[in-house]
Amino acid sequence: MSLITEDGTGKFNAESYCSVAQATSFHSVRSTVDSWGDMDVDKQEACLRAATDYITQTFGGRWGGDRKSSTQALEWPRVAVPWPDGYLTYRPDGTIPQELVNACAELALKAYSGPLLADLGRETSSESVDVISVSYVPGSSRQTKYPTVERWLRSLLVGASVNSISVSRA
């Protein structure tokens, strides 16, 4: 089945923020081009769907602005999304920001190696096999984080702007 990519019109059946061509372009100027090129198109499309699912599940509810339409399948396109420049200017309505496309392409390659949101079992506090021993820091997250992706998306999230101001009561 061909990947249905959101183009900013608010498709009711969109599956990804990034097309195979966009992801190929993204990876072609990075050292990841060979890994991305090793996949056939069906696998690339599946990885882009997984990346979009991860973005939706991880960042949903934190986006700036409002959904363009109540019938669109994905969280983007949006309207009234502020630029993080501190001047109360807004991104063009009904567009898919390049940062979102880049984050999706980045995650799609990571999805090739395994699930982006893995099921978690019981937390291991200590494990020993022969002379090898593993222990984990109490309270640390067991879910993999993707700082590069978080940085790509930072300017699209509410409260994530470096130029935001705090308001307090005197």
C-alpha atoms as a PDB file:
ATOM      1  CA  MET A   1       0.000   0.000   0.000  1.00  0.00           C
ATOM      2  CA  SER A   2       1.415   3.386  -0.940  1.00  0.00           C
ATOM      3  CA  LEU A   3       2.230   5.791   1.860  1.00  0.00           C
ATOM      4  CA  ILE A   4      -0.213   8.690   2.186  1.00  0.00           C
ATOM      5  CA  THR A   5       1.790  11.778   3.118  1.00  0.00           C
ATOM      6  CA  GLU A   6       0.255  14.858   4.694  1.00  0.00           C
ATOM      7  CA  ASP A   7       0.794  17.818   2.363  1.00  0.00           C
ATOM      8  CA  GLY A   8      -0.780  20.564   4.467  1.00  0.00           C
ATOM      9  CA  THR A   9      -4.347  20.113   3.238  1.00  0.00           C
ATOM     10  CA  GLY A  10      -5.468  18.154   6.308  1.00  0.00           C
ATOM     11  CA  LYS A  11      -5.985  14.746   4.691  1.00  0.00           C
ATOM     12  CA  PHE A  12      -8.400  12.447   6.494  1.00  0.00           C
ATOM     13  CA  ASN A  13      -6.235   9.416   5.637  1.00  0.00           C
ATOM     14  CA  ALA A  14      -2.667  10.727   5.987  1.00  0.00           C
ATOM     15  CA  GLU A  15      -0.151   8.320   7.500  1.00  0.00           C
ATOM     16  CA  SER A  16       3.090  10.290   7.582  1.00  0.00           C
ATOM     17  CA  TYR A  17       4.522  13.785   7.800  1.00  0.00           C
ATOM     18  CA  CYS A  18       7.350  12.799   5.476  1.00  0.00           C
ATOM     19  CA  SER A  19       7.351  11.101   2.076  1.00  0.00           C
ATOM     20  CA  VAL A  20       9.912   8.531   0.970  1.00  0.00           C
ATOM     21  CA  ALA A  21      11.343  11.130  -1.429  1.00  0.00           C
ATOM     22  CA  GLN A  22      11.687  13.705   1.378  1.00  0.00           C
ATOM     23  CA  ALA A  23      13.357  11.153   3.669  1.00  0.00           C
ATOM     24  CA  THR A  24      15.700  10.078   0.871  1.00  0.00           C
ATOM     25  CA  SER A  25      16.652  13.710   0.306  1.00  0.00           C
ATOM     26  CA  PHE A  26      17.191  14.207   4.056  1.00  0.00           C
ATOM     27  CA  HIS A  27      19.455  11.167   4.330  1.00  0.00           C
ATOM     28  CA  SER A  28      21.281  11.815   1.041  1.00  0.00           C
ATOM     29  CA  VAL A  29      23.178  14.765   2.526  1.00  0.00           C
ATOM     30  CA  ARG A  30      24.002  12.932   5.749  1.00  0.00           C
ATOM     31  CA  SER A  31      26.097   9.906   6.558  1.00  0.00           C
ATOM     32  CA  THR A  32      22.882   7.882   6.896  1.00  0.00           C
ATOM     33  CA  VAL A  33      22.240   7.618   3.151  1.00  0.00           C
ATOM     34  CA  ASP A  34      23.578   4.058   2.839  1.00  0.00           C
ATOM     35  CA  SER A  35      21.447   2.727   5.713  1.00  0.00           C
ATOM     36  CA  TRP A  36      18.314   4.391   4.333  1.00  0.00           C
ATOM     37  CA  GLY A  37      19.117   3.177   0.817  1.00  0.00           C
ATOM     38  CA  ASP A  38      19.498  -0.416   2.062  1.00  0.00           C
ATOM     39  CA  MET A  39      15.750  -0.589   2.683  1.00  0.00           C
ATOM     40  CA  ASP A  40      13.231  -1.322  -0.039  1.00  0.00           C
ATOM     41  CA  VAL A  41      10.410   1.192  -0.514  1.00  0.00           C
ATOM     42  CA  ASP A  42       7.855  -0.883   1.427  1.00  0.00           C
ATOM     43  CA  LYS A  43      10.163  -0.948   4.462  1.00  0.00           C
ATOM     44  CA  GLN A  44      10.883   2.792   4.131  1.00  0.00           C
ATOM     45  CA  GLU A  45       7.132   3.497   4.093  1.00  0.00           C
ATOM     46  CA  ALA A  46       6.578   1.264   7.147  1.00  0.00           C
ATOM     47  CA  CYS A  47       9.368   3.071   9.004  1.00  0.00           C
ATOM     48  CA  LEU A  48       7.882   6.477   8.122  1.00  0.00           C
ATOM     49  CA  ARG A  49       4.507   5.331   9.489  1.00  0.00           C
ATOM     50  CA  ALA A  50       6.216   4.173  12.702  1.00  0.00           C
ATOM     51  CA  ALA A  51       8.052   7.496  12.989  1.00  0.00           C
ATOM     52  CA  THR A  52       4.807   9.446  12.602  1.00  0.00           C
ATOM     53  CA  ASP A  53       3.124   7.236  15.212  1.00  0.00           C
ATOM     54  CA  TYR A  54       6.002   7.913  17.618  1.00  0.00           C
ATOM     55  CA  ILE A  55       5.768  11.667  17.050  1.00  0.00           C
ATOM     56  CA  THR A  56       2.000  11.604  17.627  1.00  0.00           C
ATOM     57  CA  GLN A  57       2.220   9.486  20.778  1.00  0.00           C
ATOM     58  CA  THR A  58       5.176  11.344  22.272  1.00  0.00           C
ATOM     59  CA  PHE A  59       4.448  14.964  21.398  1.00  0.00           C
ATOM     60  CA  GLY A  60       0.669  15.006  20.902  1.00  0.00           C
ATOM     61  CA  GLY A  61      -1.058  17.595  23.018  1.00  0.00           C
ATOM     62  CA  ARG A  62       2.069  19.745  23.248  1.00  0.00           C
ATOM     63  CA  TRP A  63       1.950  21.389  19.821  1.00  0.00           C
ATOM     64  CA  GLY A  64       1.487  25.113  19.399  1.00  0.00           C
ATOM     65  CA  GLY A  65      -1.593  26.425  17.629  1.00  0.00           C
ATOM     66  CA  ASP A  66      -4.683  24.455  16.684  1.00  0.00           C
ATOM     67  CA  ARG A  67      -5.462  21.662  14.246  1.00  0.00           C
ATOM     68  CA  LYS A  68      -6.505  23.001  10.843  1.00  0.00           C
ATOM     69  CA  SER A  69      -9.491  20.662  10.622  1.00  0.00           C
ATOM     70  CA  SER A  70     -11.371  18.301  12.912  1.00  0.00           C
ATOM     71  CA  THR A  71     -11.358  15.642  10.178  1.00  0.00           C
ATOM     72  CA  GLN A  72      -7.609  15.470   9.529  1.00  0.00           C
ATOM     73  CA  ALA A  73      -5.879  12.220  10.471  1.00  0.00           C
ATOM     74  CA  LEU A  74      -2.717  13.713  11.979  1.00  0.00           C
ATOM     75  CA  GLU A  75      -1.931  16.550  14.391  1.00  0.00           C
ATOM     76  CA  TRP A  76      -0.533  18.708  11.563  1.00  0.00           C
ATOM     77  CA  PRO A  77      -1.321  20.883   9.661  1.00  0.00           C
ATOM     78  CA  ARG A  78      -2.060  23.485  12.301  1.00  0.00           C
ATOM     79  CA  VAL A  79      -3.022  27.156  12.389  1.00  0.00           C
ATOM     80  CA  ALA A  80      -1.803  30.005  14.623  1.00  0.00           C
ATOM     81  CA  VAL A  81       1.510  28.324  15.440  1.00  0.00           C
ATOM     82  CA  PRO A  82       3.861  30.998  16.771  1.00  0.00           C
ATOM     83  CA  TRP A  83       7.417  31.388  15.551  1.00  0.00           C
ATOM     84  CA  PRO A  84       9.835  31.141  18.466  1.00  0.00           C
ATOM     85  CA  ASP A  85      11.271  34.585  17.675  1.00  0.00           C
ATOM     86  CA  GLY A  86       9.510  36.473  20.440  1.00  0.00           C
ATOM     87  CA  TYR A  87       7.754  38.873  18.032  1.00  0.00           C
ATOM     88  CA  LEU A  88       4.263  37.340  18.087  1.00  0.00           C
ATOM     89  CA  THR A  89       4.546  36.235  14.477  1.00  0.00           C
ATOM     90  CA  TYR A  90       3.038  33.017  13.209  1.00  0.00           C
ATOM     91  CA  ARG A  91       4.059  30.229  10.881  1.00  0.00           C
ATOM     92  CA  PRO A  92       2.060  30.025   7.660  1.00  0.00           C
ATOM     93  CA  ASP A  93      -1.253  28.282   8.348  1.00  0.00           C
ATOM     94  CA  GLY A  94      -1.796  24.825   6.923  1.00  0.00           C
ATOM     95  CA  THR A  95       1.838  23.910   6.334  1.00  0.00           C
ATOM     96  CA  ILE A  96       3.990  21.019   7.463  1.00  0.00           C
ATOM     97  CA  PRO A  97       7.107  22.560   9.036  1.00  0.00           C
ATOM     98  CA  GLN A  98      10.451  21.356   7.721  1.00  0.00           C
ATOM     99  CA  GLU A  99      11.513  20.581  11.300  1.00  0.00           C
ATOM    100  CA  LEU A 100       8.655  18.063  11.547  1.00  0.00           C
ATOM    101  CA  VAL A 101       9.574  16.474   8.211  1.00  0.00           C
ATOM    102  CA  ASN A 102      13.231  16.212   9.331  1.00  0.00           C
ATOM    103  CA  ALA A 103      12.301  14.666  12.682  1.00  0.00           C
ATOM    104  CA  CYS A 104      10.105  12.119  10.914  1.00  0.00           C
ATOM    105  CA  ALA A 105      12.911  11.181   8.494  1.00  0.00           C
ATOM    106  CA  GLU A 106      15.383  10.872  11.384  1.00  0.00           C
ATOM    107  CA  LEU A 107      13.055   8.624  13.361  1.00  0.00           C
ATOM    108  CA  ALA A 108      12.203   6.509  10.318  1.00  0.00           C
ATOM    109  CA  LEU A 109      15.811   5.379  10.057  1.00  0.00           C
ATOM    110  CA  LYS A 110      15.862   4.564  13.782  1.00  0.00           C
ATOM    111  CA  ALA A 111      12.658   2.552  13.333  1.00  0.00           C
ATOM    112  CA  TYR A 112      14.560   0.299  10.918  1.00  0.00           C
ATOM    113  CA  SER A 113      16.550  -1.019  13.906  1.00  0.00           C
ATOM    114  CA  GLY A 114      13.519  -1.819  16.036  1.00  0.00           C
ATOM    115  CA  PRO A 115      10.465  -0.364  17.747  1.00  0.00           C
ATOM    116  CA  LEU A 116      10.695   3.303  18.705  1.00  0.00           C
ATOM    117  CA  LEU A 117       8.332   2.759  21.637  1.00  0.00           C
ATOM    118  CA  ALA A 118       9.218  -0.666  22.959  1.00  0.00           C
ATOM    119  CA  ASP A 119       7.046  -2.545  25.407  1.00  0.00           C
ATOM    120  CA  LEU A 120       8.597  -2.405  28.849  1.00  0.00           C
ATOM    121  CA  GLY A 121       8.697  -5.334  31.223  1.00  0.00           C
ATOM    122  CA  ARG A 122       9.695  -5.388  34.860  1.00  0.00           C
ATOM    123  CA  GLU A 123      12.529  -3.061  35.735  1.00  0.00           C
ATOM    124  CA  THR A 124      15.841  -4.814  36.360  1.00  0.00           C
ATOM    125  CA  SER A 125      17.779  -3.546  39.355  1.00  0.00           C
ATOM    126  CA  SER A 126      20.688  -5.970  38.958  1.00  0.00           C
ATOM    127  CA  GLU A 127      21.582  -8.819  36.641  1.00  0.00           C
ATOM    128  CA  SER A 128      24.626 -11.083  36.563  1.00  0.00           C
ATOM    129  CA  VAL A 129      25.671 -13.654  34.013  1.00  0.00           C
ATOM    130  CA  ASP A 130      29.012 -15.307  34.738  1.00  0.00           C
ATOM    131  CA  VAL A 131      31.427 -12.371  35.249  1.00  0.00           C
ATOM    132  CA  ILE A 132      29.229  -9.755  33.539  1.00  0.00           C
ATOM    133  CA  SER A 133      27.067  -7.635  35.792  1.00  0.00           C
ATOM    134  CA  VAL A 134      24.505  -4.941  34.934  1.00  0.00           C
ATOM    135  CA  SER A 135      22.643  -2.616  37.270  1.00  0.00           C
ATOM    136  CA  TYR A 136      20.495   0.421  36.502  1.00  0.00           C
ATOM    137  CA  VAL A 137      20.237   3.799  38.169  1.00  0.00           C
ATOM    138  CA  PRO A 138      17.065   3.950  40.263  1.00  0.00           C
ATOM    139  CA  GLY A 139      14.489   6.306  38.781  1.00  0.00           C
ATOM    140  CA  SER A 140      16.090   6.426  35.342  1.00  0.00           C
ATOM    141  CA  SER A 141      13.896   6.094  32.267  1.00  0.00           C
ATOM    142  CA  ARG A 142      13.794   2.720  30.581  1.00  0.00           C
ATOM    143  CA  GLN A 143      12.422   4.197  27.355  1.00  0.00           C
ATOM    144  CA  THR A 144      14.884   5.290  24.670  1.00  0.00           C
ATOM    145  CA  LYS A 145      14.984   9.035  24.093  1.00  0.00           C
ATOM    146  CA  TYR A 146      15.913  10.756  20.850  1.00  0.00           C
ATOM    147  CA  PRO A 147      17.473  14.148  21.684  1.00  0.00           C
ATOM    148  CA  THR A 148      18.078  15.056  18.027  1.00  0.00           C
ATOM    149  CA  VAL A 149      14.377  14.634  17.297  1.00  0.00           C
ATOM    150  CA  GLU A 150      13.408  16.587  20.408  1.00  0.00           C
ATOM    151  CA  ARG A 151      15.633  19.437  19.251  1.00  0.00           C
ATOM    152  CA  TRP A 152      14.117  19.393  15.742  1.00  0.00           C
ATOM    153  CA  LEU A 153      10.629  19.696  17.243  1.00  0.00           C
ATOM    154  CA  ARG A 154      11.406  22.091  20.108  1.00  0.00           C
ATOM    155  CA  SER A 155      10.217  25.225  18.270  1.00  0.00           C
ATOM    156  CA  LEU A 156       6.844  23.618  17.467  1.00  0.00           C
ATOM    157  CA  LEU A 157       5.940  22.770  21.050  1.00  0.00           C
ATOM    158  CA  VAL A 158       4.090  24.937  23.538  1.00  0.00           C
ATOM    159  CA  GLY A 159       6.328  26.286  26.279  1.00  0.00           C
ATOM    160  CA  ALA A 160       9.496  25.112  24.572  1.00  0.00           C
ATOM    161  CA  SER A 161      10.582  28.428  23.091  1.00  0.00           C
ATOM    162  CA  VAL A 162      13.874  29.857  24.260  1.00  0.00           C
ATOM    163  CA  ASN A 163      12.320  33.306  23.920  1.00  0.00           C
ATOM    164  CA  SER A 164       9.245  32.682  26.025  1.00  0.00           C
ATOM    165  CA  ILE A 165       8.649  34.838  29.043  1.00  0.00           C
ATOM    166  CA  SER A 166       7.420  33.745  32.419  1.00  0.00           C
ATOM    167  CA  VAL A 167       4.599  35.598  34.084  1.00  0.00           C
ATOM    168  CA  SER A 168       4.369  35.730  37.846  1.00  0.00           C
ATOM    169  CA  ARG A 169       2.159  37.449  40.304  1.00  0.00           C
ATOM    170  CA  ALA A 170       3.734  40.210  42.417  1.00  0.00           C
END
